[in-house]
Amino acid sequence: MSVFSTGRMLAALPLLALAHPLIAGEAPVVPPGQTVEAKTGWGHPVYDIAPDPAVRFGVLANGMRYAILKNGTPEDTAVIRFGFDIGYIDEGDDELGLAHMLEHMAFNGSKQMPEGEMIKLLERLGLAFGADTNASTGFEDTIYKLDLPRTDEALLDTALMLMRQTASELTIADDAVDRERGVIQSETRTRNSYSLRRIKHWFDFVAPGTLYSQRFRADGTEEIVDTAPGAVLRDLYRRYYRPDNAALVVVGDVDPDTVEAKIRATFGDWTAPATARVEVDKGALDLERGPAAANFVDPDVQTLVTIDRFAPYVERRPTVAERDESRLVALGTAILDRRLQKIANGAESPIISGNASASDFFDIQREAQVAIQAREGEWQRALEVGEQEWRRAVEHGFTEAELAEQLANFEQRYRDAARQQDTRRNTQLADGILSTARHERLFVTPQTTYELFLAQKPGITAEGVSQAFARHFALSDPLIHVSTKQPIADAQATILDAWRTSAAEPVDPPTDMGQQAFAYDDFGVPGTVAEDGMVEDLGLRIIRFANNVRLNLKPTPFEKDRVRFAIRVGSGQLALPHDQMAQAVFLSSVSALGGLGKQGYDELREVLAGRRVTYGFDAGEDKFTVRGSTTMADLPLQMRLSAAYFSDPGLRPEMLTRWQAVIPPYVAQLDATPQAVARAQVPRILADGNPRFGLPSEEELTSVTLEQARALVAEQFARAPIEISVVGDFDSDAVIAAVAASFGALPQRAATLEGWDSEREAQFASDRSERVLTHAGASDQALALTYWPTTDDADAQEEATMQMLALAMRLELLDRIREQLGASYSPGAGSSMSSIYRGYGTFSTSVVVKPEQADEVFAAVDAIVGDFRKAPIDADLLERARTPLLEQIALSRRENGWWLAVIDEAQLHSERLDRVRSYEDRIRAVTPEMLQAAAQRYLDPAQELRIRVVPAEPAAQP
């Protein structure tokens, strides 16, 4: 279950530039004569754009909508999405928080499924709670989600039965409601962060008269969740869980005729109540109130400036004319976005990042926004950047060169999506189909979208884009929201004065710069293949070039016209002195911005517009890496680009400038939540102070230099082994030629990796006394962590046994701490056995709780450990842990990402390939007795280390 669907909610907010074209304001009138040509099975009007004909839409006699799409990616799987038109804005004043609570109650008993049995049933069938069984509640909808690892008839019948139970058969028993209250409050508490508080403040500022502000984290929600009688939830359930308020989507490797028959048989008897569906007044924004400003203050927040303008909402029709206008606005928005990125990359820039968006504020207003993250203390200058670049775009428009760059990028995305549409993911498709249910949108194929773009492209001009952009972005007076760590004195007046001062400054038109060519097309004589062989049982081709660069090829049919790649060079952090770990963080964070010796990052972005490539590299624990995805057409360019990053890295001053700007807000957030404190400090505590674990200090982070960085990577980049892996839909000969012409043409490399023996030494904390760490977040949040030392992963069966022990532990934690105690929303357990550090590993539990409940949670963890050590675990518990894992492994073998991780060191660490072959066998071999023995061996109470992260004094309040 998601936390009131925070991710879904954030996706609805206009805080980031949107990936898909959106409709412009004041758009040209749609030409007369465009009438409804047809309707979809859901009754949505079809004008001059054809919907995806493969989707079968239907409506039952009771009003329930359904959609079915046969799709084979991943093979032999399916997903089900069941959406209800009910969210936060539908709650009454005495029902705040109860739409989300209803979502939880769907997992807590129905007429056919007793409380506590639904999740266990699904686990036995191979669905893991949280990963495959989930739900979310947002502002306007509640969605139930099942990801089926198989499509056999029995599992499909069970899944539809459970959705039918959710539809009208939930018991919502009073005692079950009482038990769930603590889980709801824990979930809310877990998500209470400065970023969520900032979003609430933003809503209250820009949309005070709307339900989106009034219902999101409204005052009184906690009290109502704590006290609302079960009868109130049951009434809310009856009002909104009705067939004419629901849509069911099934996508996967299924027969649509069979699924449709099952849907009709399963949901046909669901009766719609006689009362009409409840409509709510969502409210509206006051378009005459601006200009206005507000200041959100929190010690952990980044310095952020958002400038919003609004206009009346315009109902959208899915026509070619409206899509064309939408695309013009999207192109202009992308150009403004790019301008802000260039400013952020400049020396001494006052901003760290910036973006623009053009969207609808739900379906009540049109909205345009520029959002800027400023350097610490630079909100005024950031506001100037946002105001002046917005105005420059509206007043002077865009250049032909800027348009050409974005046209190339848009065409690349549309083209790639069209070519890859036959292997789109079930989840992506189901979510997309369901998203059209409420607003009468059309679900179209990527090929259709690409063809619409190609038809419009010849007529797209810089002038046309400039005009469309101005129509959308020249809206109401601005609403300016500024987030700072310290209050701005007389905030509204001060912010507006800064805005007016900036607005009085004239802005010049942009300069049109000519484009250059990529400077790294010739690395010399292409390398020759010295060895070429096969690992037959894994379908893996392994190649070594004469200079010792290695190449692994794994062709698959899982993603059409998509190639995933991994490039690993040398030994990463192991090759760095232990007191230079800050350099690794520096390089991983901003290496792309360092550009190349002959071309900077922004120049590369312009030169390579329209090409799908990954910039920069990461400094991993034991290798420098580049990982990404591209197409076969762009793979040769990707190889040349990455070869240039490793043979002629720029490490330019703008890289250090950006780093110095990022550090203060980054460091400020390291104690913002208990989880942040744990990520920053706990790894080093566990490793007995080893500086290769955890995060370097602020002093170390700020002291990095470009000279040091160059010196530290020079030897590895020049001589260390290189291994490249490619997985997906590719031409093997073309890949070999691309690598030969780039990495294969580099000077000779070492044939084997250095041992780095002393750098691989690590030990668990010698002091096992409890640690108490503090955070500066909400005063009702704490984190109870328990650790035991284990060992490295040299014994493959031992690693599998410990993985199963962690899964069994998590199920017990969910039962005892979440369901019985109601103390935590999502307790976790894990086993981490290092493949890098000899003899080092940990087994852990992690529970977010109220500070006063930490001791109770520690006691519950110890009780579970005691039970695991005392006797073999229940066979059913083992199978509920094992079956979803086996299904996940089977699914992984049909995923390119999994295969890339498997083969990315197939030559330099060839001995680990046997683990791939034996993975399922090792998991199946685990017995209750083996788990007991492992618990006795490792989960010794005398070796236990407790860490609690509690609020500091004084703590920030929610």
Foldseek 3Di string as FASTA:
>chain_A
DAQLPPVVQVVLDFPFADDAFAFFFPAPDDDPPFDFPDAAQLRFTDTPFDFDPQKHWHAFPQQAIEIEHEAPFPHQKKKKKKKFFDALLPDDPLCQPLVVVLLVLLQAAFPVAHGPGPQLVVLLQQAHPPPAWDWHGYHTMIMTMGIGLHDDPVVLLVVLLSVLRSLQTRPLDQVQLQLQLLLSVQSVVQPFFPVLVQVLVVCCQFPVFFSVNCRRVHPPNNVSSNDPGSVVSVVVSLQTSANSRMYMYMYYNDDVVVVVVSNCVSCVPGHGDPDDHDDDDGGAGDLAPDDWEDEAAAQQDFWKKKKKHKAFFDQDDPDLSRSLLSVLQSLLQVLLQLVQQVLLLDFPRQFLHKGKYWHASPRGITMIMIMTGGFAPSNLSRLLVVLQSLVLCQPFFDDQLSSVLSLLQVLLVLVQQQQFQSQDHNVVVRVQVVVCNPSSDGHHGSVSVNVSCVVCVVVDDRVSSSVSNNSRSVHGHIYMYTYHNDDDVVGTVVNVVSSVVSVVDDDDHDDDDDADADPQQFLDAFWAWDDWDDPPVQQKIWTATPLRAIEIEHEDANTGQKKKKKKWFAFFPLLPPLLQVLLQVLQQPQQQQLAFQVDGNSSCSSNQRNADEDGGWHRDRTTIMDIDMGGQVRLLVNLRRVLRCLPTRRLDPSSLSSQLSPLPSVVSCCQRAQVSVCQAPVQCQFQQNRSSTHDDDSVSNNPDDSVVSCVSSVVRSQATHMYMYMYYHYDVVSNSRSNRRGVVSHHRHDNAHDDSVVSQATHTRPDQEEAEAEGQYAQFKKKKKKKWWFFACPPVLLVLLLALLQLLLQVQCCVCVCSVVSFHNGKGWDKAHHPRHGTTIMTMIMGMGGPVCNVVSVVSSVVVLVVLQPFQDDPSSSSSSLSNVVSVLVSLSSDRVSVCVQCRCCPNCVVCNVCNVCVNVSNVPHGSVNSNVSSNVIVDVVRMHIYMYGHDVPHDHD
